[in-house]
C-alpha atoms as a PDB file:
ATOM      1  CA  UNK A   1       0.091  -0.222  -0.420  1.00  0.00           C
ATOM      2  CA  UNK A   2       3.343   2.596   0.835  1.00  0.00           C
ATOM      3  CA  UNK A   3       4.621   1.928  -2.608  1.00  0.00           C
ATOM      4  CA  UNK A   4       0.252   2.370  -4.506  1.00  0.00           C
ATOM      5  CA  UNK A   5       0.958   5.470  -2.519  1.00  0.00           C
ATOM      6  CA  UNK A   6       4.656   6.195  -3.565  1.00  0.00           C
ATOM      7  CA  UNK A   7       4.111   5.985  -6.941  1.00  0.00           C
ATOM      8  CA  UNK A   8       1.199   8.210  -7.377  1.00  0.00           C
ATOM      9  CA  UNK A   9       2.728  11.140  -5.482  1.00  0.00           C
ATOM     10  CA  UNK A  10       6.366  10.219  -7.809  1.00  0.00           C
ATOM     11  CA  UNK A  11       3.693  11.033 -11.028  1.00  0.00           C
ATOM     12  CA  UNK A  12       1.803  13.801  -8.887  1.00  0.00           C
ATOM     13  CA  UNK A  13       5.052  15.864  -8.378  1.00  0.00           C
ATOM     14  CA  UNK A  14       5.848  15.207 -12.327  1.00  0.00           C
ATOM     15  CA  UNK A  15       3.221  16.676 -13.955  1.00  0.00           C
ATOM     16  CA  UNK A  16       2.981  19.834 -10.837  1.00  0.00           C
ATOM     17  CA  UNK A  17      -0.321  18.424  -9.766  1.00  0.00           C
ATOM     18  CA  UNK A  18       0.659  19.862  -6.043  1.00  0.00           C
ATOM     19  CA  UNK A  19      -2.533  19.791  -4.226  1.00  0.00           C
ATOM     20  CA  UNK A  20      -3.794  16.274  -4.890  1.00  0.00           C
ATOM     21  CA  UNK A  21       0.156  15.144  -3.502  1.00  0.00           C
ATOM     22  CA  UNK A  22      -0.622  16.830  -0.168  1.00  0.00           C
ATOM     23  CA  UNK A  23      -4.150  14.710   0.118  1.00  0.00           C
ATOM     24  CA  UNK A  24      -1.945  11.405  -0.750  1.00  0.00           C
ATOM     25  CA  UNK A  25       0.516  12.285   0.950  1.00  0.00           C
ATOM     26  CA  UNK A  26      -1.380  13.384   4.118  1.00  0.00           C
ATOM     27  CA  UNK A  27      -3.370   9.509   3.366  1.00  0.00           C
ATOM     28  CA  UNK A  28      -0.110   7.687   3.285  1.00  0.00           C
ATOM     29  CA  UNK A  29       0.435   9.688   7.248  1.00  0.00           C
ATOM     30  CA  UNK A  30      -2.882   8.962   8.229  1.00  0.00           C
ATOM     31  CA  UNK A  31      -1.784   4.828   7.095  1.00  0.00           C
ATOM     32  CA  UNK A  32       1.644   4.737   8.748  1.00  0.00           C
ATOM     33  CA  UNK A  33      -0.762   6.166  12.124  1.00  0.00           C
ATOM     34  CA  UNK A  34      -3.520   3.749  11.887  1.00  0.00           C
ATOM     35  CA  UNK A  35      -1.406   0.772  11.331  1.00  0.00           C
ATOM     36  CA  UNK A  36       0.808   1.717  14.382  1.00  0.00           C
ATOM     37  CA  UNK A  37      -2.212   2.145  16.679  1.00  0.00           C
ATOM     38  CA  UNK A  38      -3.084  -1.237  15.176  1.00  0.00           C
ATOM     39  CA  UNK A  39       0.251  -2.819  16.606  1.00  0.00           C
ATOM     40  CA  UNK A  40      -0.246  -1.079  19.453  1.00  0.00           C
ATOM     41  CA  UNK A  41      -3.608  -2.222  20.022  1.00  0.00           C
ATOM     42  CA  UNK A  42      -2.483  -5.768  19.570  1.00  0.00           C
ATOM     43  CA  UNK A  43       0.644  -5.733  21.850  1.00  0.00           C
ATOM     44  CA  UNK A  44      -1.771  -4.386  24.362  1.00  0.00           C
ATOM     45  CA  UNK A  45      -4.030  -7.183  23.746  1.00  0.00           C
ATOM     46  CA  UNK A  46      -1.138  -9.962  23.792  1.00  0.00           C
ATOM     47  CA  UNK A  47       0.359  -8.055  26.997  1.00  0.00           C
ATOM     48  CA  UNK A  48      -3.483  -8.284  28.781  1.00  0.00           C
ATOM     49  CA  UNK A  49      -3.552 -12.128  27.670  1.00  0.00           C
ATOM     50  CA  UNK A  50      -0.427 -12.680  29.164  1.00  0.00           C
ATOM     51  CA  UNK A  51      -0.961 -11.105  32.350  1.00  0.00           C
ATOM     52  CA  UNK A  52      -4.571 -12.486  32.878  1.00  0.00           C
ATOM     53  CA  UNK A  53      -3.242 -16.172  31.975  1.00  0.00           C
ATOM     54  CA  UNK A  54       0.032 -15.305  34.920  1.00  0.00           C
ATOM     55  CA  UNK A  55      -2.522 -13.640  36.979  1.00  0.00           C
ATOM     56  CA  UNK A  56      -4.991 -16.969  37.347  1.00  0.00           C
ATOM     57  CA  UNK A  57      -1.445 -19.073  37.037  1.00  0.00           C
ATOM     58  CA  UNK A  58      -0.946 -17.077  40.933  1.00  0.00           C
ATOM     59  CA  UNK A  59      -4.335 -17.469  41.804  1.00  0.00           C
ATOM     60  CA  UNK A  60      -4.119 -20.997  41.016  1.00  0.00           C
ATOM     61  CA  UNK A  61      -1.657 -21.522  43.374  1.00  0.00           C
ATOM     62  CA  UNK A  62      -2.781 -19.299  46.495  1.00  0.00           C
ATOM     63  CA  UNK A  63      -5.758 -21.635  46.142  1.00  0.00           C
ATOM     64  CA  UNK A  64      -3.481 -24.158  46.444  1.00  0.00           C
ATOM     65  CA  UNK A  65      -1.349 -23.096  49.508  1.00  0.00           C
ATOM     66  CA  UNK A  66      -4.877 -21.838  51.165  1.00  0.00           C
ATOM     67  CA  UNK A  67      -6.242 -25.673  50.573  1.00  0.00           C
ATOM     68  CA  UNK A  68      -3.067 -26.903  52.314  1.00  0.00           C
ATOM     69  CA  UNK A  69      -2.706 -24.281  55.584  1.00  0.00           C
ATOM     70  CA  UNK A  70      -6.117 -24.901  55.930  1.00  0.00           C
ATOM     71  CA  UNK A  71      -5.451 -28.521  56.719  1.00  0.00           C
ATOM     72  CA  UNK A  72      -2.473 -27.211  59.172  1.00  0.00           C
ATOM     73  CA  UNK A  73      -4.320 -24.991  60.934  1.00  0.00           C
ATOM     74  CA  UNK A  74      -7.174 -28.265  61.441  1.00  0.00           C
ATOM     75  CA  UNK A  75      -4.318 -30.352  62.805  1.00  0.00           C
ATOM     76  CA  UNK A  76      -2.667 -27.450  64.867  1.00  0.00           C
ATOM     77  CA  UNK A  77      -6.212 -27.356  66.552  1.00  0.00           C
ATOM     78  CA  UNK A  78      -7.107 -30.842  67.004  1.00  0.00           C
ATOM     79  CA  UNK A  79      -3.372 -30.888  68.702  1.00  0.00           C
ATOM     80  CA  UNK A  80      -3.934 -27.973  70.374  1.00  0.00           C
ATOM     81  CA  UNK A  81      -7.297 -29.120  72.068  1.00  0.00           C
ATOM     82  CA  UNK A  82      -5.393 -32.395  72.325  1.00  0.00           C
ATOM     83  CA  UNK A  83      -2.213 -30.716  74.921  1.00  0.00           C
ATOM     84  CA  UNK A  84      -5.184 -28.212  76.499  1.00  0.00           C
ATOM     85  CA  UNK A  85      -6.681 -31.831  77.257  1.00  0.00           C
ATOM     86  CA  UNK A  86      -4.366 -32.990  79.572  1.00  0.00           C
ATOM     87  CA  UNK A  87      -3.348 -29.871  80.766  1.00  0.00           C
ATOM     88  CA  UNK A  88      -7.296 -29.807  82.333  1.00  0.00           C
ATOM     89  CA  UNK A  89      -6.791 -32.693  83.771  1.00  0.00           C
ATOM     90  CA  UNK A  90      -4.066 -31.796  86.190  1.00  0.00           C
ATOM     91  CA  UNK A  91      -5.572 -28.951  86.756  1.00  0.00           C
ATOM     92  CA  UNK A  92      -8.067 -31.316  88.187  1.00  0.00           C
ATOM     93  CA  UNK A  93      -5.038 -33.654  89.839  1.00  0.00           C
ATOM     94  CA  UNK A  94      -4.144 -30.396  92.220  1.00  0.00           C
ATOM     95  CA  UNK A  95      -7.443 -29.754  92.804  1.00  0.00           C
ATOM     96  CA  UNK A  96      -8.406 -32.903  93.570  1.00  0.00           C
ATOM     97  CA  UNK A  97      -9.530 -33.747  97.597  1.00  0.00           C
ATOM     98  CA  UNK A  98      -7.843 -37.123  97.247  1.00  0.00           C
ATOM     99  CA  UNK A  99      -4.925 -38.530  95.229  1.00  0.00           C
ATOM    100  CA  UNK A 100      -6.175 -40.291  92.535  1.00  0.00           C
ATOM    101  CA  UNK A 101      -3.595 -40.360  90.565  1.00  0.00           C
ATOM    102  CA  UNK A 102      -0.813 -43.137  90.093  1.00  0.00           C
ATOM    103  CA  UNK A 103       2.715 -42.061  88.676  1.00  0.00           C
ATOM    104  CA  UNK A 104       2.203 -43.896  85.613  1.00  0.00           C
ATOM    105  CA  UNK A 105      -0.733 -42.234  84.590  1.00  0.00           C
ATOM    106  CA  UNK A 106       0.524 -38.776  86.047  1.00  0.00           C
ATOM    107  CA  UNK A 107       3.795 -39.249  84.340  1.00  0.00           C
ATOM    108  CA  UNK A 108       1.158 -39.666  80.340  1.00  0.00           C
ATOM    109  CA  UNK A 109      -0.683 -36.460  81.866  1.00  0.00           C
ATOM    110  CA  UNK A 110       2.832 -34.300  81.449  1.00  0.00           C
ATOM    111  CA  UNK A 111       3.498 -35.638  78.442  1.00  0.00           C
ATOM    112  CA  UNK A 112       0.070 -34.925  76.754  1.00  0.00           C
ATOM    113  CA  UNK A 113       0.405 -31.188  77.353  1.00  0.00           C
ATOM    114  CA  UNK A 114       3.637 -30.553  77.235  1.00  0.00           C
ATOM    115  CA  UNK A 115       5.271 -32.765  74.652  1.00  0.00           C
ATOM    116  CA  UNK A 116       4.533 -31.332  71.586  1.00  0.00           C
ATOM    117  CA  UNK A 117       5.631 -27.540  70.795  1.00  0.00           C
ATOM    118  CA  UNK A 118       2.681 -25.863  68.633  1.00  0.00           C
ATOM    119  CA  UNK A 119       3.602 -23.641  65.811  1.00  0.00           C
ATOM    120  CA  UNK A 120       1.985 -23.961  62.534  1.00  0.00           C
ATOM    121  CA  UNK A 121       3.932 -24.617  59.571  1.00  0.00           C
ATOM    122  CA  UNK A 122       2.379 -22.757  57.400  1.00  0.00           C
ATOM    123  CA  UNK A 123       3.001 -22.046  53.419  1.00  0.00           C
ATOM    124  CA  UNK A 124       3.479 -18.598  51.944  1.00  0.00           C
ATOM    125  CA  UNK A 125       5.546 -18.869  49.110  1.00  0.00           C
ATOM    126  CA  UNK A 126       2.714 -17.539  46.787  1.00  0.00           C
ATOM    127  CA  UNK A 127       2.043 -14.493  48.813  1.00  0.00           C
ATOM    128  CA  UNK A 128       5.501 -13.472  49.383  1.00  0.00           C
ATOM    129  CA  UNK A 129       5.737 -13.368  45.584  1.00  0.00           C
ATOM    130  CA  UNK A 130       3.107 -11.740  45.643  1.00  0.00           C
ATOM    131  CA  UNK A 131       4.257  -9.039  47.668  1.00  0.00           C
ATOM    132  CA  UNK A 132       7.657  -8.639  46.963  1.00  0.00           C
ATOM    133  CA  UNK A 133       8.229 -10.163  43.253  1.00  0.00           C
ATOM    134  CA  UNK A 134       5.468  -7.603  41.837  1.00  0.00           C
ATOM    135  CA  UNK A 135       2.925 -10.696  40.794  1.00  0.00           C
ATOM    136  CA  UNK A 136      -0.151  -8.405  42.644  1.00  0.00           C
ATOM    137  CA  UNK A 137      -0.366  -6.367  39.152  1.00  0.00           C
ATOM    138  CA  UNK A 138      -1.226  -9.395  37.595  1.00  0.00           C
ATOM    139  CA  UNK A 139      -4.408  -9.508  39.972  1.00  0.00           C
ATOM    140  CA  UNK A 140      -7.770  -7.377  38.819  1.00  0.00           C
ATOM    141  CA  UNK A 141      -9.315  -8.620  41.639  1.00  0.00           C
ATOM    142  CA  UNK A 142      -8.865  -5.662  44.830  1.00  0.00           C
ATOM    143  CA  UNK A 143     -10.492  -8.112  47.321  1.00  0.00           C
ATOM    144  CA  UNK A 144      -7.992 -10.640  46.521  1.00  0.00           C
ATOM    145  CA  UNK A 145      -5.330  -8.029  46.483  1.00  0.00           C
ATOM    146  CA  UNK A 146      -6.286  -6.590  49.514  1.00  0.00           C
ATOM    147  CA  UNK A 147      -6.479  -9.436  51.269  1.00  0.00           C
ATOM    148  CA  UNK A 148      -2.899 -10.751  50.827  1.00  0.00           C
ATOM    149  CA  UNK A 149      -1.368  -7.070  51.591  1.00  0.00           C
ATOM    150  CA  UNK A 150      -3.131  -7.530  54.830  1.00  0.00           C
ATOM    151  CA  UNK A 151      -2.091 -11.519  55.118  1.00  0.00           C
ATOM    152  CA  UNK A 152       1.540 -10.865  56.512  1.00  0.00           C
ATOM    153  CA  UNK A 153      -0.035  -8.737  59.481  1.00  0.00           C
ATOM    154  CA  UNK A 154      -1.688 -11.559  60.638  1.00  0.00           C
ATOM    155  CA  UNK A 155       0.283 -14.104  60.381  1.00  0.00           C
ATOM    156  CA  UNK A 156       2.485 -11.709  62.109  1.00  0.00           C
ATOM    157  CA  UNK A 157      -0.166 -11.414  65.835  1.00  0.00           C
ATOM    158  CA  UNK A 158      -0.092 -15.428  65.461  1.00  0.00           C
ATOM    159  CA  UNK A 159       3.153 -16.269  65.093  1.00  0.00           C
ATOM    160  CA  UNK A 160       3.676 -13.642  68.652  1.00  0.00           C
ATOM    161  CA  UNK A 161       0.646 -15.637  70.134  1.00  0.00           C
ATOM    162  CA  UNK A 162       3.042 -18.909  69.314  1.00  0.00           C
ATOM    163  CA  UNK A 163       5.890 -17.275  70.890  1.00  0.00           C
ATOM    164  CA  UNK A 164       4.426 -16.180  74.084  1.00  0.00           C
ATOM    165  CA  UNK A 165       2.880 -19.398  74.935  1.00  0.00           C
ATOM    166  CA  UNK A 166       6.069 -21.610  73.661  1.00  0.00           C
ATOM    167  CA  UNK A 167       7.697 -19.020  76.897  1.00  0.00           C
ATOM    168  CA  UNK A 168       5.559 -20.348  79.091  1.00  0.00           C
ATOM    169  CA  UNK A 169       5.438 -23.666  78.171  1.00  0.00           C
ATOM    170  CA  UNK A 170       9.643 -23.942  78.316  1.00  0.00           C
ATOM    171  CA  UNK A 171       9.296 -22.546  82.207  1.00  0.00           C
ATOM    172  CA  UNK A 172       7.061 -25.681  83.077  1.00  0.00           C
ATOM    173  CA  UNK A 173       9.265 -27.446  81.845  1.00  0.00           C
ATOM    174  CA  UNK A 174      12.055 -25.969  83.228  1.00  0.00           C
ATOM    175  CA  UNK A 175      10.473 -26.192  86.388  1.00  0.00           C
ATOM    176  CA  UNK A 176       9.254 -29.817  86.182  1.00  0.00           C
ATOM    177  CA  UNK A 177      13.185 -30.169  85.804  1.00  0.00           C
ATOM    178  CA  UNK A 178      14.384 -28.722  88.688  1.00  0.00           C
ATOM    179  CA  UNK A 179      11.569 -29.643  91.220  1.00  0.00           C
ATOM    180  CA  UNK A 180      10.482 -32.463  89.439  1.00  0.00           C
ATOM    181  CA  UNK A 181      11.734 -35.835  87.939  1.00  0.00           C
ATOM    182  CA  UNK A 182      11.573 -35.823  83.939  1.00  0.00           C
ATOM    183  CA  UNK A 183      13.316 -37.894  84.060  1.00  0.00           C
ATOM    184  CA  UNK A 184      10.365 -40.599  84.634  1.00  0.00           C
ATOM    185  CA  UNK A 185       7.378 -38.845  82.047  1.00  0.00           C
ATOM    186  CA  UNK A 186      10.595 -40.384  79.377  1.00  0.00           C
ATOM    187  CA  UNK A 187      10.355 -43.441  81.649  1.00  0.00           C
ATOM    188  CA  UNK A 188       7.078 -44.213  81.299  1.00  0.00           C
ATOM    189  CA  UNK A 189       5.420 -42.920  78.312  1.00  0.00           C
ATOM    190  CA  UNK A 190       8.680 -45.240  76.459  1.00  0.00           C
ATOM    191  CA  UNK A 191      10.146 -41.801  75.218  1.00  0.00           C
ATOM    192  CA  UNK A 192      13.595 -43.269  76.997  1.00  0.00           C
ATOM    193  CA  UNK A 193      13.710 -45.907  74.673  1.00  0.00           C
ATOM    194  CA  UNK A 194      12.546 -44.015  71.698  1.00  0.00           C
ATOM    195  CA  UNK A 195      16.193 -42.314  72.694  1.00  0.00           C
ATOM    196  CA  UNK A 196      18.017 -45.015  73.364  1.00  0.00           C
ATOM    197  CA  UNK A 197      18.466 -43.961  77.187  1.00  0.00           C
ATOM    198  CA  UNK A 198      18.751 -46.453  79.976  1.00  0.00           C
ATOM    199  CA  UNK A 199      15.464 -46.312  82.501  1.00  0.00           C
ATOM    200  CA  UNK A 200      16.434 -44.238  86.075  1.00  0.00           C
ATOM    201  CA  UNK A 201      17.137 -46.985  88.385  1.00  0.00           C
ATOM    202  CA  UNK A 202      15.768 -43.930  91.397  1.00  0.00           C
ATOM    203  CA  UNK A 203      12.158 -43.596  91.066  1.00  0.00           C
ATOM    204  CA  UNK A 204      10.688 -40.008  92.753  1.00  0.00           C
ATOM    205  CA  UNK A 205       7.598 -39.398  92.417  1.00  0.00           C
ATOM    206  CA  UNK A 206       6.260 -36.496  90.273  1.00  0.00           C
ATOM    207  CA  UNK A 207       3.377 -35.941  92.676  1.00  0.00           C
ATOM    208  CA  UNK A 208       5.058 -32.889  94.418  1.00  0.00           C
ATOM    209  CA  UNK A 209       4.373 -30.845  91.388  1.00  0.00           C
ATOM    210  CA  UNK A 210       0.880 -31.625  91.802  1.00  0.00           C
ATOM    211  CA  UNK A 211       1.513 -29.532  95.788  1.00  0.00           C
ATOM    212  CA  UNK A 212       3.152 -26.174  93.769  1.00  0.00           C
ATOM    213  CA  UNK A 213       1.268 -23.117  93.561  1.00  0.00           C
ATOM    214  CA  UNK A 214       4.232 -22.408  91.335  1.00  0.00           C
ATOM    215  CA  UNK A 215       3.990 -25.295  88.949  1.00  0.00           C
ATOM    216  CA  UNK A 216       0.078 -24.636  88.777  1.00  0.00           C
ATOM    217  CA  UNK A 217       0.452 -21.153  87.984  1.00  0.00           C
ATOM    218  CA  UNK A 218       2.326 -21.286  85.253  1.00  0.00           C
ATOM    219  CA  UNK A 219      -0.128 -24.379  84.142  1.00  0.00           C
ATOM    220  CA  UNK A 220      -3.484 -22.568  84.879  1.00  0.00           C
ATOM    221  CA  UNK A 221      -1.706 -19.280  82.577  1.00  0.00           C
ATOM    222  CA  UNK A 222      -0.575 -21.941  80.138  1.00  0.00           C
ATOM    223  CA  UNK A 223      -4.484 -22.859  79.127  1.00  0.00           C
ATOM    224  CA  UNK A 224      -5.576 -19.297  79.338  1.00  0.00           C
ATOM    225  CA  UNK A 225      -2.675 -18.487  76.145  1.00  0.00           C
ATOM    226  CA  UNK A 226      -3.380 -21.837  74.577  1.00  0.00           C
ATOM    227  CA  UNK A 227      -7.111 -21.120  74.981  1.00  0.00           C
ATOM    228  CA  UNK A 228      -6.034 -17.903  73.000  1.00  0.00           C
ATOM    229  CA  UNK A 229      -3.844 -19.393  71.165  1.00  0.00           C
ATOM    230  CA  UNK A 230      -6.633 -21.844  69.838  1.00  0.00           C
ATOM    231  CA  UNK A 231      -8.503 -17.969  68.931  1.00  0.00           C
ATOM    232  CA  UNK A 232      -5.980 -17.150  66.786  1.00  0.00           C
ATOM    233  CA  UNK A 233      -6.172 -20.923  64.633  1.00  0.00           C
ATOM    234  CA  UNK A 234      -9.921 -20.391  64.604  1.00  0.00           C
ATOM    235  CA  UNK A 235      -9.860 -16.901  63.350  1.00  0.00           C
ATOM    236  CA  UNK A 236      -7.568 -17.660  60.111  1.00  0.00           C
ATOM    237  CA  UNK A 237      -9.704 -20.706  59.587  1.00  0.00           C
ATOM    238  CA  UNK A 238     -12.170 -18.380  59.240  1.00  0.00           C
ATOM    239  CA  UNK A 239     -10.030 -15.869  56.210  1.00  0.00           C
ATOM    240  CA  UNK A 240      -8.662 -18.336  54.750  1.00  0.00           C
ATOM    241  CA  UNK A 241     -12.129 -19.799  54.116  1.00  0.00           C
ATOM    242  CA  UNK A 242     -13.117 -16.672  52.929  1.00  0.00           C
ATOM    243  CA  UNK A 243     -10.467 -15.736  50.622  1.00  0.00           C
ATOM    244  CA  UNK A 244     -10.847 -18.977  49.455  1.00  0.00           C
ATOM    245  CA  UNK A 245     -14.427 -18.298  48.524  1.00  0.00           C
ATOM    246  CA  UNK A 246     -13.552 -15.490  46.673  1.00  0.00           C
ATOM    247  CA  UNK A 247      -9.959 -16.596  44.936  1.00  0.00           C
ATOM    248  CA  UNK A 248     -12.395 -19.539  43.749  1.00  0.00           C
ATOM    249  CA  UNK A 249     -15.952 -17.291  42.390  1.00  0.00           C
ATOM    250  CA  UNK A 250     -12.248 -15.259  40.178  1.00  0.00           C
ATOM    251  CA  UNK A 251     -10.950 -18.115  38.723  1.00  0.00           C
ATOM    252  CA  UNK A 252     -14.843 -19.564  37.474  1.00  0.00           C
END
């Protein structure tokens, strides 16, 4: 097309038809501009298509990560409930009018109460990539963007709560080591065999812990913190389910 206009333009110049030459020159410029605009539009469409594909890939990854984390948090709640059940058994023994527990049962309850560290093994690779690698640009849904940008703050609050519980648990373990017979618990629940440690020859009772006001205070505080930690986990479950619904709706 450009060669066609160029040939006409040369003919007009030879025939000294300036007015028509200008018309054809403007037409040629117009065609060039239209071509550029079309090329830009096609490029924009291609870029938008690539961005949409990238955004969908991020959403699929985010969905899978949320589903995995949902199971992680649910398992964390179950483990936390198990520990709290043991701790409430201890409180019952402390406040019992009669000594109804034997040493082996007490070891079992102590192990049930304090053998686990409750910390979520949470996956956040997609969240970090969206936040710190510019991935959010590919996400059009503002609700998803808002949730992702606020997620790190939520998890920081959960981590701080877990750290608080861990510190009190450590104090209880230290107190058991200093004032009770920690080895009894390992022997009675089979942990000594697992760790290939010889069982103790001396056999003192851990019932002394049940008579300690400090142990009861630490235990009560630990139960309160665990209950608060469970609340954080339950809120996190609801937040995950909420974001999952938004992501799945956007994908569909």
